[in-house]
N, C-alpha and C. Protein backbone atom coordinates (compact mmCIF):
# COMPACT_ATOMS: atom_id res chain seq x y z
N MET A 1 -10.50 -6.90 18.08
CA MET A 1 -9.91 -7.82 17.12
C MET A 1 -8.69 -8.86 17.06
N ALA A 2 -9.69 -10.06 16.61
CA ALA A 2 -8.27 -11.39 16.33
C ALA A 2 -7.21 -10.99 15.66
N GLU A 3 -5.85 -11.98 16.11
CA GLU A 3 -4.73 -11.50 15.98
C GLU A 3 -4.91 -11.95 14.62
N GLN A 4 -5.06 -12.64 13.99
CA GLN A 4 -5.48 -13.40 13.22
C GLN A 4 -6.13 -12.69 11.39
N ASP A 5 -6.95 -11.43 12.43
CA ASP A 5 -7.49 -11.17 10.57
C ASP A 5 -7.25 -10.61 9.93
N PHE A 6 -7.71 -11.17 9.29
CA PHE A 6 -6.67 -10.83 7.71
C PHE A 6 -7.76 -10.06 7.34
N THR A 7 -8.13 -8.84 7.35
CA THR A 7 -8.55 -7.76 6.57
C THR A 7 -8.13 -6.22 6.81
N HIS A 8 -8.75 -6.03 6.48
CA HIS A 8 -9.21 -4.27 5.88
C HIS A 8 -8.62 -3.89 7.21
N ILE A 9 -9.33 -4.09 8.34
CA ILE A 9 -9.04 -4.07 9.34
C ILE A 9 -7.74 -3.63 10.13
N GLY A 10 -7.12 -5.17 10.48
CA GLY A 10 -6.21 -5.70 10.65
C GLY A 10 -5.16 -5.42 10.29
N PHE A 11 -5.71 -4.72 8.61
CA PHE A 11 -4.25 -4.06 7.77
C PHE A 11 -4.35 -2.80 8.52
N GLN A 12 -5.13 -2.23 8.64
CA GLN A 12 -5.29 -0.74 9.15
C GLN A 12 -4.34 -0.81 10.87
N LYS A 13 -5.08 -1.35 12.23
CA LYS A 13 -4.27 -2.03 12.38
C LYS A 13 -3.01 -1.60 13.11
N HIS A 14 -2.40 -2.30 11.81
CA HIS A 14 -1.10 -2.26 12.23
C HIS A 14 -0.49 -1.10 11.35
N LEU A 15 -0.79 -0.72 10.02
CA LEU A 15 -0.70 0.48 10.00
C LEU A 15 -0.35 1.72 10.81
N SER A 16 -1.39 1.79 11.47
CA SER A 16 -1.24 2.97 12.74
C SER A 16 -0.51 2.83 13.77
N GLU A 17 -0.16 1.56 13.74
CA GLU A 17 1.55 0.72 14.46
C GLU A 17 2.53 1.37 14.04
N HIS A 18 2.47 1.64 12.28
CA HIS A 18 3.72 2.39 11.64
C HIS A 18 4.56 0.91 11.30
N LYS A 19 3.59 0.11 11.26
CA LYS A 19 4.68 -1.17 10.52
C LYS A 19 3.45 -1.19 9.60
N LEU A 20 4.84 -2.09 8.51
CA LEU A 20 3.92 -2.16 7.00
C LEU A 20 3.06 -3.71 6.78
N MET A 21 2.44 -4.23 7.17
CA MET A 21 2.19 -5.72 7.27
C MET A 21 1.56 -6.52 5.95
N GLY A 22 1.85 -8.06 5.71
CA GLY A 22 0.93 -8.74 4.79
C GLY A 22 0.91 -9.87 5.09
N THR A 23 0.79 -10.74 4.09
CA THR A 23 0.42 -12.22 5.02
C THR A 23 1.53 -13.22 3.74
N GLN A 24 1.39 -14.46 4.23
CA GLN A 24 2.34 -15.38 4.02
C GLN A 24 1.77 -16.73 4.03
N CYS A 25 1.24 -17.24 3.10
CA CYS A 25 0.80 -18.30 3.38
C CYS A 25 1.70 -19.66 4.10
N LYS A 26 1.30 -20.13 4.89
CA LYS A 26 2.71 -21.29 5.35
C LYS A 26 2.44 -22.47 4.81
N SER A 27 1.84 -22.76 3.73
CA SER A 27 1.73 -24.27 3.07
C SER A 27 2.82 -23.63 2.60
N CYS A 28 2.44 -23.01 1.40
CA CYS A 28 3.55 -22.56 -0.09
C CYS A 28 4.57 -21.25 -0.05
N GLY A 29 4.64 -20.47 1.24
CA GLY A 29 5.53 -19.43 0.67
C GLY A 29 5.02 -17.88 0.28
N ALA A 30 3.98 -18.39 -0.59
CA ALA A 30 3.54 -17.22 -1.88
C ALA A 30 2.90 -15.56 -0.37
N LYS A 31 3.35 -14.68 -0.14
CA LYS A 31 3.16 -13.42 -0.09
C LYS A 31 1.97 -12.99 -0.33
N TYR A 32 1.59 -12.08 0.43
CA TYR A 32 0.54 -11.33 -0.06
C TYR A 32 0.68 -9.24 0.66
N LEU A 33 0.33 -8.47 -0.22
CA LEU A 33 0.44 -7.02 0.24
C LEU A 33 -0.89 -6.57 -0.90
N PRO A 34 -1.68 -5.93 -0.12
CA PRO A 34 -2.51 -5.92 0.92
C PRO A 34 -2.89 -7.70 0.99
N PRO A 35 -3.02 -8.33 2.00
CA PRO A 35 -2.75 -9.26 2.90
C PRO A 35 -4.23 -9.95 2.17
N ARG A 36 -4.06 -11.14 2.69
CA ARG A 36 -4.95 -12.22 2.32
C ARG A 36 -5.96 -13.19 3.30
N PRO A 37 -6.93 -13.54 3.32
CA PRO A 37 -7.33 -14.12 3.96
C PRO A 37 -6.67 -15.48 3.56
N LEU A 38 -7.36 -16.03 2.25
CA LEU A 38 -6.30 -17.06 1.50
C LEU A 38 -5.63 -16.96 0.64
N CYS A 39 -4.51 -18.10 0.27
CA CYS A 39 -3.87 -18.46 -1.07
C CYS A 39 -3.93 -18.57 -2.10
N VAL A 40 -4.11 -17.66 -3.47
CA VAL A 40 -4.57 -17.95 -4.82
C VAL A 40 -3.75 -18.39 -5.30
N ASN A 41 -2.30 -19.08 -4.22
CA ASN A 41 -1.58 -19.89 -5.50
C ASN A 41 -2.14 -21.07 -4.91
N CYS A 42 -1.79 -21.68 -3.95
CA CYS A 42 -2.14 -23.30 -3.19
C CYS A 42 -3.84 -23.38 -2.66
N TYR A 43 -4.89 -21.68 -2.91
CA TYR A 43 -6.20 -22.06 -2.56
C TYR A 43 -6.17 -22.71 -1.08
N GLY A 44 -4.55 -22.54 -0.18
CA GLY A 44 -4.79 -21.99 1.55
C GLY A 44 -5.02 -21.82 2.56
N ASP A 45 -5.18 -21.87 3.41
CA ASP A 45 -5.97 -21.12 4.62
C ASP A 45 -4.67 -21.10 5.57
N ALA A 46 -3.94 -21.19 5.75
CA ALA A 46 -3.09 -21.22 6.68
C ALA A 46 -1.63 -19.78 6.94
N MET A 47 -2.72 -18.77 6.94
CA MET A 47 -1.93 -17.84 6.51
C MET A 47 -1.49 -17.18 7.82
N GLU A 48 -0.26 -16.03 8.26
CA GLU A 48 0.73 -15.38 9.35
C GLU A 48 0.41 -14.37 8.41
N TRP A 49 0.89 -13.43 9.55
CA TRP A 49 1.14 -11.63 9.17
C TRP A 49 2.65 -12.51 9.13
N ILE A 50 3.64 -11.54 8.54
CA ILE A 50 4.43 -10.96 8.21
C ILE A 50 4.81 -9.24 7.90
N GLU A 51 6.14 -8.64 8.33
CA GLU A 51 6.33 -7.39 8.43
C GLU A 51 6.81 -7.42 7.13
N MET A 52 6.81 -6.12 6.14
CA MET A 52 7.09 -5.89 4.94
C MET A 52 8.50 -4.76 4.54
N PRO A 53 8.98 -4.81 3.84
CA PRO A 53 9.77 -3.75 3.95
C PRO A 53 9.80 -2.69 3.54
N GLY A 54 9.72 -1.48 4.97
CA GLY A 54 9.74 0.07 4.77
C GLY A 54 10.36 0.64 3.39
N GLU A 55 11.11 0.05 2.78
CA GLU A 55 11.88 0.99 1.00
C GLU A 55 11.60 0.03 -0.16
N GLY A 56 11.13 0.74 -1.00
CA GLY A 56 11.24 0.40 -1.97
C GLY A 56 10.90 1.70 -3.24
N LYS A 57 10.50 1.42 -4.40
CA LYS A 57 10.96 2.38 -5.67
C LYS A 57 9.55 2.69 -6.22
N LEU A 58 9.21 3.82 -6.04
CA LEU A 58 8.19 4.25 -7.34
C LEU A 58 7.60 3.89 -8.96
N ALA A 59 6.84 3.21 -9.20
CA ALA A 59 6.77 2.31 -10.09
C ALA A 59 5.43 3.20 -10.98
N ALA A 60 4.71 3.93 -10.01
CA ALA A 60 3.96 4.50 -11.08
C ALA A 60 3.10 5.45 -10.56
N PHE A 61 3.01 6.37 -11.04
CA PHE A 61 2.01 7.58 -10.08
C PHE A 61 0.80 8.49 -11.20
N THR A 62 -0.07 9.34 -10.81
CA THR A 62 -0.81 9.58 -10.93
C THR A 62 -1.20 11.05 -9.64
N THR A 63 -0.93 12.82 -10.43
CA THR A 63 -1.79 13.15 -9.29
C THR A 63 -3.15 13.81 -9.53
N VAL A 64 -3.88 13.71 -8.01
CA VAL A 64 -5.30 13.89 -8.22
C VAL A 64 -5.77 15.20 -7.55
N HIS A 65 -6.73 15.33 -8.95
CA HIS A 65 -7.48 16.68 -8.68
C HIS A 65 -8.78 16.62 -8.41
N ILE A 66 -9.09 15.57 -8.64
CA ILE A 66 -10.71 15.25 -8.41
C ILE A 66 -10.91 14.46 -7.36
N ALA A 67 -10.72 14.47 -6.14
CA ALA A 67 -10.60 13.79 -5.03
C ALA A 67 -11.91 12.55 -4.60
N PRO A 68 -12.03 11.65 -4.56
CA PRO A 68 -12.91 10.51 -3.88
C PRO A 68 -13.35 11.86 -2.40
N THR A 69 -13.94 11.39 -2.06
CA THR A 69 -15.20 12.23 -0.66
C THR A 69 -13.75 12.08 0.12
N ALA A 70 -13.37 10.41 0.81
CA ALA A 70 -12.54 10.50 2.19
C ALA A 70 -11.10 11.10 1.84
N MET A 71 -11.03 11.73 0.99
CA MET A 71 -9.76 12.38 0.16
C MET A 71 -10.72 14.24 0.64
N ILE A 72 -10.94 14.38 0.04
CA ILE A 72 -12.20 15.85 -0.14
C ILE A 72 -12.10 15.88 1.72
N ALA A 73 -13.07 15.09 2.22
CA ALA A 73 -12.41 15.30 3.82
C ALA A 73 -10.47 15.79 4.31
N GLU A 74 -10.24 15.14 3.72
CA GLU A 74 -8.70 15.39 4.71
C GLU A 74 -8.05 16.74 4.06
N GLY A 75 -9.03 17.87 2.86
CA GLY A 75 -8.92 19.00 2.24
C GLY A 75 -8.07 18.91 0.83
N TYR A 76 -8.13 17.56 0.01
CA TYR A 76 -7.51 17.69 -1.23
C TYR A 76 -9.00 17.64 -2.40
N GLY A 77 -8.57 17.75 -3.09
CA GLY A 77 -9.59 18.55 -4.23
C GLY A 77 -8.92 19.11 -5.27
N ARG A 78 -9.92 20.26 -6.01
CA ARG A 78 -9.11 20.92 -7.34
C ARG A 78 -8.25 21.78 -7.22
N ASP A 79 -7.83 22.61 -5.65
CA ASP A 79 -7.09 23.65 -5.38
C ASP A 79 -5.86 22.57 -4.31
N ASN A 80 -6.30 21.84 -3.98
CA ASN A 80 -4.71 21.00 -3.61
C ASN A 80 -4.71 19.76 -4.06
N PRO A 81 -3.99 19.34 -5.08
CA PRO A 81 -4.40 18.03 -5.78
C PRO A 81 -3.00 17.03 -4.63
N TYR A 82 -3.27 15.69 -4.76
CA TYR A 82 -2.87 14.34 -3.95
C TYR A 82 -1.97 13.41 -5.40
N CYS A 83 -0.41 12.63 -4.62
CA CYS A 83 -0.34 12.09 -5.63
C CYS A 83 -0.49 10.36 -5.32
N SER A 84 -0.72 10.00 -6.11
CA SER A 84 -1.11 8.64 -5.71
C SER A 84 -0.54 7.57 -6.80
N GLY A 85 -0.04 6.48 -5.98
CA GLY A 85 1.46 6.06 -7.30
C GLY A 85 1.19 4.46 -6.57
N ILE A 86 2.29 3.59 -6.85
CA ILE A 86 2.32 2.41 -6.70
C ILE A 86 3.86 1.91 -6.25
N VAL A 87 3.90 1.52 -5.88
CA VAL A 87 5.34 1.68 -5.05
C VAL A 87 5.75 0.16 -4.89
N THR A 88 6.71 -0.59 -5.46
CA THR A 88 6.90 -1.77 -5.71
C THR A 88 8.48 -2.07 -4.26
N LEU A 89 8.19 -2.70 -3.47
CA LEU A 89 8.85 -3.17 -2.14
C LEU A 89 10.16 -3.49 -2.41
N GLU A 90 11.13 -3.58 -1.76
CA GLU A 90 12.75 -4.53 -2.04
C GLU A 90 12.22 -6.12 -2.34
N ASN A 91 11.25 -6.32 -1.61
CA ASN A 91 11.19 -7.83 -1.93
C ASN A 91 10.06 -8.08 -2.83
N GLY A 92 9.65 -7.59 -3.87
CA GLY A 92 9.04 -6.89 -4.96
C GLY A 92 7.73 -7.40 -5.48
N LEU A 93 6.70 -6.96 -4.38
CA LEU A 93 5.36 -7.17 -4.22
C LEU A 93 5.39 -5.70 -4.06
N SER A 94 4.61 -5.72 -4.33
CA SER A 94 3.75 -3.79 -5.20
C SER A 94 2.47 -3.50 -3.72
N ILE A 95 2.55 -1.74 -3.36
CA ILE A 95 1.12 -1.51 -2.85
C ILE A 95 0.81 -0.45 -3.22
N SER A 96 -0.05 0.53 -3.78
CA SER A 96 -0.43 1.47 -4.47
C SER A 96 -0.81 2.35 -2.79
N ALA A 97 -0.09 3.15 -2.86
CA ALA A 97 0.22 4.81 -1.59
C ALA A 97 -0.42 6.12 -1.88
N GLN A 98 -0.37 6.92 -1.58
CA GLN A 98 -0.72 8.47 -1.34
C GLN A 98 1.22 8.82 -1.05
N ILE A 99 1.48 9.19 -1.83
CA ILE A 99 3.38 9.11 -2.20
C ILE A 99 3.35 11.26 -2.12
N LEU A 100 3.47 11.43 -0.24
CA LEU A 100 4.26 11.93 0.24
C LEU A 100 5.39 13.26 -0.21
N GLY A 101 5.74 14.15 -0.37
CA GLY A 101 7.05 14.74 -0.15
C GLY A 101 7.06 14.69 -2.09
N VAL A 102 6.43 15.27 -2.30
CA VAL A 102 6.99 15.16 -3.73
C VAL A 102 5.98 16.37 -4.01
N ASP A 103 6.24 17.38 -5.51
CA ASP A 103 5.71 18.79 -5.96
C ASP A 103 4.59 18.25 -6.91
N VAL A 104 3.23 18.37 -5.88
CA VAL A 104 2.19 17.85 -6.75
C VAL A 104 1.85 19.04 -8.27
N ASN A 105 1.92 20.01 -7.84
CA ASN A 105 1.42 21.56 -8.65
C ASN A 105 2.69 20.41 -9.62
N GLN A 106 3.99 20.34 -9.65
CA GLN A 106 5.01 20.49 -10.88
C GLN A 106 5.64 18.90 -11.25
N PRO A 107 4.22 18.02 -11.89
CA PRO A 107 4.53 16.69 -12.00
C PRO A 107 5.73 16.20 -12.71
N GLN A 108 5.60 17.23 -13.57
CA GLN A 108 6.73 16.30 -14.18
C GLN A 108 8.18 16.06 -13.37
N THR A 109 8.03 17.09 -12.28
CA THR A 109 9.64 17.03 -11.81
C THR A 109 9.34 15.37 -10.93
N ILE A 110 7.88 14.75 -10.62
CA ILE A 110 8.17 13.05 -10.24
C ILE A 110 8.90 12.31 -11.15
N LYS A 111 9.58 11.67 -10.58
CA LYS A 111 10.40 10.49 -11.61
C LYS A 111 9.83 9.05 -11.41
N VAL A 112 9.53 7.70 -11.68
CA VAL A 112 9.71 6.61 -11.90
C VAL A 112 10.60 6.19 -11.68
N GLY A 113 11.03 5.25 -10.14
CA GLY A 113 12.04 5.38 -9.51
C GLY A 113 12.77 5.56 -8.37
N THR A 114 12.20 6.32 -8.06
CA THR A 114 13.00 7.58 -6.90
C THR A 114 12.36 6.29 -5.49
N PRO A 115 13.28 7.04 -5.03
CA PRO A 115 13.09 6.22 -3.58
C PRO A 115 11.90 5.73 -2.97
């Protein structure tokens, strides 16, 4: 894989190294998460990888009981739901993610704004 491979594969490679990486346009400075190979602000293609902050706050969430195939393969489903949410990072960008460390069987205890 080329270092400048701004694709899902490149993104997953960085995640496997415990790095949350996005892209930044060298022309206008716009930042993207998940990464993009092209800037939708100035339409430039001079992108570079940048590491994103690892801290953020839960902006929205849902508990999922009817899981897609990939999550069923991980053991989730009707009897073992999971939480999916949107996290807004310290830099203002947001990303969807599985939310760990919450009680999915009592979703009323999960709070928007949780770090």
